[in-house]
C-alpha atoms as a PDB file:
ATOM      1  CA  MET A   1      62.334 130.023 118.930  1.00  0.00           C
ATOM      2  CA  ALA A   2      65.085 128.365 121.124  1.00  0.00           C
ATOM      3  CA  ARG A   3      64.907 130.397 123.666  1.00  0.00           C
ATOM      4  CA  GLY A   4      61.325 129.590 123.451  1.00  0.00           C
ATOM      5  CA  ARG A   5      61.951 125.916 123.545  1.00  0.00           C
ATOM      6  CA  LEU A   6      64.841 126.446 126.067  1.00  0.00           C
ATOM      7  CA  LYS A   7      61.987 127.828 128.446  1.00  0.00           C
ATOM      8  CA  LEU A   8      59.869 125.155 128.154  1.00  0.00           C
ATOM      9  CA  LEU A   9      62.231 122.725 128.617  1.00  0.00           C
ATOM     10  CA  LEU A  10      63.148 124.547 131.986  1.00  0.00           C
ATOM     11  CA  SER A  11      59.723 125.080 132.885  1.00  0.00           C
ATOM     12  CA  VAL A  12      59.099 120.803 132.195  1.00  0.00           C
ATOM     13  CA  ALA A  13      61.999 120.086 134.532  1.00  0.00           C
ATOM     14  CA  ALA A  14      60.920 122.706 137.442  1.00  0.00           C
ATOM     15  CA  VAL A  15      57.716 121.158 137.903  1.00  0.00           C
ATOM     16  CA  ILE A  16      59.128 117.572 138.016  1.00  0.00           C
ATOM     17  CA  LEU A  17      61.977 118.454 140.077  1.00  0.00           C
ATOM     18  CA  LEU A  18      59.396 120.280 142.633  1.00  0.00           C
ATOM     19  CA  LEU A  19      56.926 116.956 142.471  1.00  0.00           C
ATOM     20  CA  ASP A  20      59.756 114.865 143.024  1.00  0.00           C
ATOM     21  CA  ILE A  21      61.318 117.242 146.081  1.00  0.00           C
ATOM     22  CA  VAL A  22      57.506 117.578 147.873  1.00  0.00           C
ATOM     23  CA  THR A  23      56.579 113.594 147.381  1.00  0.00           C
ATOM     24  CA  LYS A  24      60.272 112.616 148.693  1.00  0.00           C
ATOM     25  CA  VAL A  25      59.504 114.811 151.691  1.00  0.00           C
ATOM     26  CA  LEU A  26      56.556 113.649 152.490  1.00  0.00           C
ATOM     27  CA  ALA A  27      57.354 109.955 151.935  1.00  0.00           C
ATOM     28  CA  VAL A  28      60.417 110.375 154.867  1.00  0.00           C
ATOM     29  CA  ARG A  29      57.946 112.082 157.152  1.00  0.00           C
ATOM     30  CA  LEU A  30      55.287 109.585 156.493  1.00  0.00           C
ATOM     31  CA  LEU A  31      56.262 106.315 156.288  1.00  0.00           C
ATOM     32  CA  THR A  32      58.205 103.778 158.102  1.00  0.00           C
ATOM     33  CA  PRO A  33      61.096 101.592 156.234  1.00  0.00           C
ATOM     34  CA  GLY A  34      60.193  97.978 155.311  1.00  0.00           C
ATOM     35  CA  GLN A  35      55.986  98.894 156.648  1.00  0.00           C
ATOM     36  CA  PRO A  36      54.326  99.396 153.580  1.00  0.00           C
ATOM     37  CA  VAL A  37      50.977 101.004 153.251  1.00  0.00           C
ATOM     38  CA  SER A  38      48.376  99.533 151.348  1.00  0.00           C
ATOM     39  CA  ILE A  39      46.671 101.801 148.680  1.00  0.00           C
ATOM     40  CA  ILE A  40      45.413  98.818 146.526  1.00  0.00           C
ATOM     41  CA  GLY A  41      45.821  95.400 147.950  1.00  0.00           C
ATOM     42  CA  ASP A  42      49.205  94.102 147.895  1.00  0.00           C
ATOM     43  CA  THR A  43      49.663  95.205 144.235  1.00  0.00           C
ATOM     44  CA  VAL A  44      50.330  98.932 144.886  1.00  0.00           C
ATOM     45  CA  THR A  45      51.645  99.905 148.112  1.00  0.00           C
ATOM     46  CA  TRP A  46      53.756 103.007 149.408  1.00  0.00           C
ATOM     47  CA  THR A  47      56.997 101.208 150.751  1.00  0.00           C
ATOM     48  CA  LEU A  48      60.069 103.680 151.723  1.00  0.00           C
ATOM     49  CA  VAL A  49      63.417 102.632 150.489  1.00  0.00           C
ATOM     50  CA  ARG A  50      66.896 104.268 150.394  1.00  0.00           C
ATOM     51  CA  ASN A  51      68.477 103.542 146.869  1.00  0.00           C
ATOM     52  CA  SER A  52      72.024 103.912 147.043  1.00  0.00           C
ATOM     53  CA  GLY A  53      72.469 102.658 143.210  1.00  0.00           C
ATOM     54  CA  ALA A  54      71.024 103.139 140.090  1.00  0.00           C
ATOM     55  CA  ALA A  55      67.986 101.898 138.708  1.00  0.00           C
ATOM     56  CA  PHE A  56      66.550  98.813 140.003  1.00  0.00           C
ATOM     57  CA  SER A  57      69.625  99.052 142.726  1.00  0.00           C
ATOM     58  CA  MET A  58      72.396  98.218 140.506  1.00  0.00           C
ATOM     59  CA  ALA A  59      75.515  99.600 140.995  1.00  0.00           C
ATOM     60  CA  THR A  60      75.090 100.340 144.757  1.00  0.00           C
ATOM     61  CA  GLY A  61      78.705 100.801 145.566  1.00  0.00           C
ATOM     62  CA  TYR A  62      79.415 103.105 142.734  1.00  0.00           C
ATOM     63  CA  THR A  63      77.297 106.228 144.364  1.00  0.00           C
ATOM     64  CA  TRP A  64      79.910 108.952 143.832  1.00  0.00           C
ATOM     65  CA  VAL A  65      80.255 107.756 140.273  1.00  0.00           C
ATOM     66  CA  LEU A  66      76.557 108.153 139.260  1.00  0.00           C
ATOM     67  CA  THR A  67      76.566 111.477 141.215  1.00  0.00           C
ATOM     68  CA  LEU A  68      78.984 112.545 138.623  1.00  0.00           C
ATOM     69  CA  VAL A  69      77.443 111.020 135.522  1.00  0.00           C
ATOM     70  CA  ALA A  70      74.018 112.401 136.129  1.00  0.00           C
ATOM     71  CA  THR A  71      75.921 116.050 136.623  1.00  0.00           C
ATOM     72  CA  ALA A  72      77.173 115.247 133.418  1.00  0.00           C
ATOM     73  CA  VAL A  73      73.885 114.388 131.632  1.00  0.00           C
ATOM     74  CA  VAL A  74      72.111 117.980 133.422  1.00  0.00           C
ATOM     75  CA  ILE A  75      75.246 119.804 131.912  1.00  0.00           C
ATOM     76  CA  GLY A  76      74.800 118.331 128.532  1.00  0.00           C
ATOM     77  CA  ILE A  77      71.235 118.864 128.682  1.00  0.00           C
ATOM     78  CA  VAL A  78      71.129 122.716 129.550  1.00  0.00           C
ATOM     79  CA  TRP A  79      74.230 123.093 126.787  1.00  0.00           C
ATOM     80  CA  MET A  80      71.960 121.279 124.268  1.00  0.00           C
ATOM     81  CA  GLY A  81      68.779 122.966 125.306  1.00  0.00           C
ATOM     82  CA  ARG A  82      69.963 126.274 123.922  1.00  0.00           C
ATOM     83  CA  ARG A  83      69.873 125.093 120.392  1.00  0.00           C
ATOM     84  CA  LEU A  84      66.358 123.444 120.607  1.00  0.00           C
ATOM     85  CA  VAL A  85      63.990 124.378 117.892  1.00  0.00           C
ATOM     86  CA  SER A  86      61.446 121.737 118.488  1.00  0.00           C
ATOM     87  CA  PRO A  87      58.887 121.766 121.478  1.00  0.00           C
ATOM     88  CA  TRP A  88      58.463 117.620 121.999  1.00  0.00           C
ATOM     89  CA  TRP A  89      62.274 117.720 122.282  1.00  0.00           C
ATOM     90  CA  ALA A  90      62.291 120.282 124.662  1.00  0.00           C
ATOM     91  CA  VAL A  91      59.454 118.215 126.460  1.00  0.00           C
ATOM     92  CA  GLY A  92      61.526 114.944 126.248  1.00  0.00           C
ATOM     93  CA  LEU A  93      64.461 116.870 127.510  1.00  0.00           C
ATOM     94  CA  GLY A  94      62.804 118.933 130.139  1.00  0.00           C
ATOM     95  CA  LEU A  95      60.940 115.352 131.603  1.00  0.00           C
ATOM     96  CA  ILE A  96      65.090 113.681 131.745  1.00  0.00           C
ATOM     97  CA  LEU A  97      66.418 116.995 133.642  1.00  0.00           C
ATOM     98  CA  GLY A  98      63.923 117.119 136.143  1.00  0.00           C
ATOM     99  CA  GLY A  99      64.255 113.847 136.792  1.00  0.00           C
ATOM    100  CA  ALA A 100      68.194 113.561 137.128  1.00  0.00           C
ATOM    101  CA  LEU A 101      67.902 116.759 139.110  1.00  0.00           C
ATOM    102  CA  GLY A 102      65.706 115.214 141.078  1.00  0.00           C
ATOM    103  CA  ASN A 103      68.035 112.425 142.242  1.00  0.00           C
ATOM    104  CA  LEU A 104      71.304 114.538 141.903  1.00  0.00           C
ATOM    105  CA  VAL A 105      69.534 116.318 145.171  1.00  0.00           C
ATOM    106  CA  ASP A 106      69.257 113.212 147.076  1.00  0.00           C
ATOM    107  CA  ARG A 107      72.760 112.197 146.138  1.00  0.00           C
ATOM    108  CA  PHE A 108      74.375 115.539 147.379  1.00  0.00           C
ATOM    109  CA  PHE A 109      71.926 116.277 150.395  1.00  0.00           C
ATOM    110  CA  ARG A 110      70.810 112.941 152.046  1.00  0.00           C
ATOM    111  CA  SER A 111      72.883 110.686 154.143  1.00  0.00           C
ATOM    112  CA  PRO A 112      75.304 109.336 154.579  1.00  0.00           C
ATOM    113  CA  GLY A 113      76.491 112.431 152.876  1.00  0.00           C
ATOM    114  CA  PRO A 114      77.511 114.694 149.675  1.00  0.00           C
ATOM    115  CA  LEU A 115      77.901 112.305 145.992  1.00  0.00           C
ATOM    116  CA  ARG A 116      76.715 109.427 148.549  1.00  0.00           C
ATOM    117  CA  GLY A 117      73.612 110.340 149.302  1.00  0.00           C
ATOM    118  CA  HIS A 118      70.626 107.431 148.808  1.00  0.00           C
ATOM    119  CA  VAL A 119      67.659 108.245 146.700  1.00  0.00           C
ATOM    120  CA  VAL A 120      64.263 108.167 148.071  1.00  0.00           C
ATOM    121  CA  ASP A 121      61.952 105.727 146.561  1.00  0.00           C
ATOM    122  CA  PHE A 122      58.765 105.245 147.875  1.00  0.00           C
ATOM    123  CA  LEU A 123      56.021 103.933 145.396  1.00  0.00           C
ATOM    124  CA  SER A 124      55.823  99.952 144.501  1.00  0.00           C
ATOM    125  CA  ILE A 125      53.207  98.772 141.813  1.00  0.00           C
ATOM    126  CA  GLY A 126      53.619  94.643 141.684  1.00  0.00           C
ATOM    127  CA  TRP A 127      56.535  92.918 140.690  1.00  0.00           C
ATOM    128  CA  TRP A 128      58.104  96.426 139.343  1.00  0.00           C
ATOM    129  CA  PRO A 129      61.172  97.703 141.906  1.00  0.00           C
ATOM    130  CA  VAL A 130      60.405 100.678 144.123  1.00  0.00           C
ATOM    131  CA  PHE A 131      60.710 103.932 142.568  1.00  0.00           C
ATOM    132  CA  ASN A 132      60.234 107.847 142.755  1.00  0.00           C
ATOM    133  CA  VAL A 133      58.613 110.447 140.511  1.00  0.00           C
ATOM    134  CA  ALA A 134      61.796 111.583 139.067  1.00  0.00           C
ATOM    135  CA  ASP A 135      62.283 107.917 137.676  1.00  0.00           C
ATOM    136  CA  PRO A 136      59.406 107.255 135.422  1.00  0.00           C
ATOM    137  CA  ALA A 137      60.221 110.875 134.404  1.00  0.00           C
ATOM    138  CA  VAL A 138      63.440 109.872 133.205  1.00  0.00           C
ATOM    139  CA  VAL A 139      62.195 107.007 131.509  1.00  0.00           C
ATOM    140  CA  GLY A 140      59.259 108.308 130.006  1.00  0.00           C
ATOM    141  CA  GLY A 141      61.468 111.539 128.437  1.00  0.00           C
ATOM    142  CA  ALA A 142      63.931 108.856 127.162  1.00  0.00           C
ATOM    143  CA  ILE A 143      60.960 106.981 125.262  1.00  0.00           C
ATOM    144  CA  LEU A 144      59.762 109.825 124.128  1.00  0.00           C
ATOM    145  CA  LEU A 145      63.461 111.248 122.440  1.00  0.00           C
ATOM    146  CA  VAL A 146      63.456 107.779 120.936  1.00  0.00           C
ATOM    147  CA  ALA A 147      60.269 107.864 119.333  1.00  0.00           C
ATOM    148  CA  LEU A 148      61.013 111.202 117.863  1.00  0.00           C
ATOM    149  CA  SER A 149      64.336 110.100 117.083  1.00  0.00           C
ATOM    150  CA  LEU A 150      62.980 107.036 115.252  1.00  0.00           C
ATOM    151  CA  PHE A 151      59.885 108.754 113.345  1.00  0.00           C
ATOM    152  CA  GLY A 152      62.269 111.639 111.829  1.00  0.00           C
ATOM    153  CA  PHE A 153      61.998 114.622 114.534  1.00  0.00           C
ATOM    154  CA  ASP A 154      65.194 116.135 115.293  1.00  0.00           C
ATOM    155  CA  PHE A 155      66.003 118.460 118.302  1.00  0.00           C
ATOM    156  CA  ASP A 156      66.698 121.105 115.804  1.00  0.00           C
ATOM    157  CA  THR A 157      64.135 121.712 113.631  1.00  0.00           C
ATOM    158  CA  VAL A 158      60.708 122.061 113.792  1.00  0.00           C
ATOM    159  CA  GLY A 159      59.154 119.146 111.357  1.00  0.00           C
ATOM    160  CA  ARG A 160      60.550 115.627 110.157  1.00  0.00           C
ATOM    161  CA  ARG A 161      63.598 114.849 108.239  1.00  0.00           C
ATOM    162  CA  GLY A 162      63.085 114.935 105.135  1.00  0.00           C
ATOM    163  CA  LYS A 163      59.753 116.306 105.015  1.00  0.00           C
ATOM    164  CA  GLN A 164      60.913 119.786 105.283  1.00  0.00           C
ATOM    165  CA  ASP A 165      61.130 122.184 102.460  1.00  0.00           C
ATOM    166  CA  THR A 166      63.577 121.034 100.041  1.00  0.00           C
ATOM    167  CA  GLU A 167      66.559 123.449  99.243  1.00  0.00           C
ATOM    168  CA  ALA A 168      64.717 126.199  96.818  1.00  0.00           C
ATOM    169  CA  ALA A 169      66.759 126.548  94.078  1.00  0.00           C
ATOM    170  CA  ASP A 170      68.831 130.021  93.807  1.00  0.00           C
ATOM    171  CA  PRO A 171      67.180 132.615  91.852  1.00  0.00           C
ATOM    172  CA  LYS A 172      70.748 134.318  91.066  1.00  0.00           C
ATOM    173  CA  THR A 173      72.448 131.250  90.084  1.00  0.00           C
ATOM    174  CA  ASP A 174      69.463 130.314  87.564  1.00  0.00           C
ATOM    175  CA  ALA A 175      68.792 133.732  86.232  1.00  0.00           C
ATOM    176  CA  VAL A 176      73.092 133.793  85.612  1.00  0.00           C
ATOM    177  CA  ALA A 177      72.513 130.099  83.989  1.00  0.00           C
ATOM    178  CA  GLU A 178      69.713 131.816  81.558  1.00  0.00           C
ATOM    179  CA  THR A 179      71.659 134.525  80.660  1.00  0.00           C
ATOM    180  CA  THR A 180      75.507 133.139  80.057  1.00  0.00           C
ATOM    181  CA  PRO A 181      75.803 131.950  76.363  1.00  0.00           C
ATOM    182  CA  ALA A 182      76.100 128.195  76.242  1.00  0.00           C
ATOM    183  CA  THR A 183      80.061 127.722  74.448  1.00  0.00           C
ATOM    184  CA  THR A 184      79.621 126.572  70.571  1.00  0.00           C
ATOM    185  CA  GLU A 185      82.436 125.541  68.583  1.00  0.00           C
ATOM    186  CA  PRO A 186      83.237 127.145  65.763  1.00  0.00           C
ATOM    187  CA  GLU A 187      82.206 125.849  62.670  1.00  0.00           C
ATOM    188  CA  LYS A 188      84.907 124.341  60.300  1.00  0.00           C
END
């Protein structure tokens, strides 16, 4: 069963990664930095920016650290994926993995160079910072995993904690207990 869940995790990650790469390539080819293109008035726009930091442009001077952390997250998810039983955990981890890989591709292959590449962001909604396909995938996956944890669903079980079958009594132990005579004190 774990092998099927790993396939699900990797399939979700592959879809997110493909969507992220394709949309970033299109954004770079079709948009001009600093010139927003209106989709819905000024509320929703295509706006090409390059982000050297993490979410919300935090840690802009530490691109190489962010790259190493994201690489560790990817390795951890793949390692954990080998033991997955829950399909919902597979989906959540797949979303995070696909998003992390999407942004890692930028960190490794975009200018100014490997481990320092700037992430392409292109979608702006209202007051929210500009983002790409990978960002909501990571956030959505994280929210799903938190919800699963809060509601008692573990990554290595199918059902909820506490709602699973209780340990069945061992018939061999019960049989031995029934056939073993009770010790009695000799009468005096």
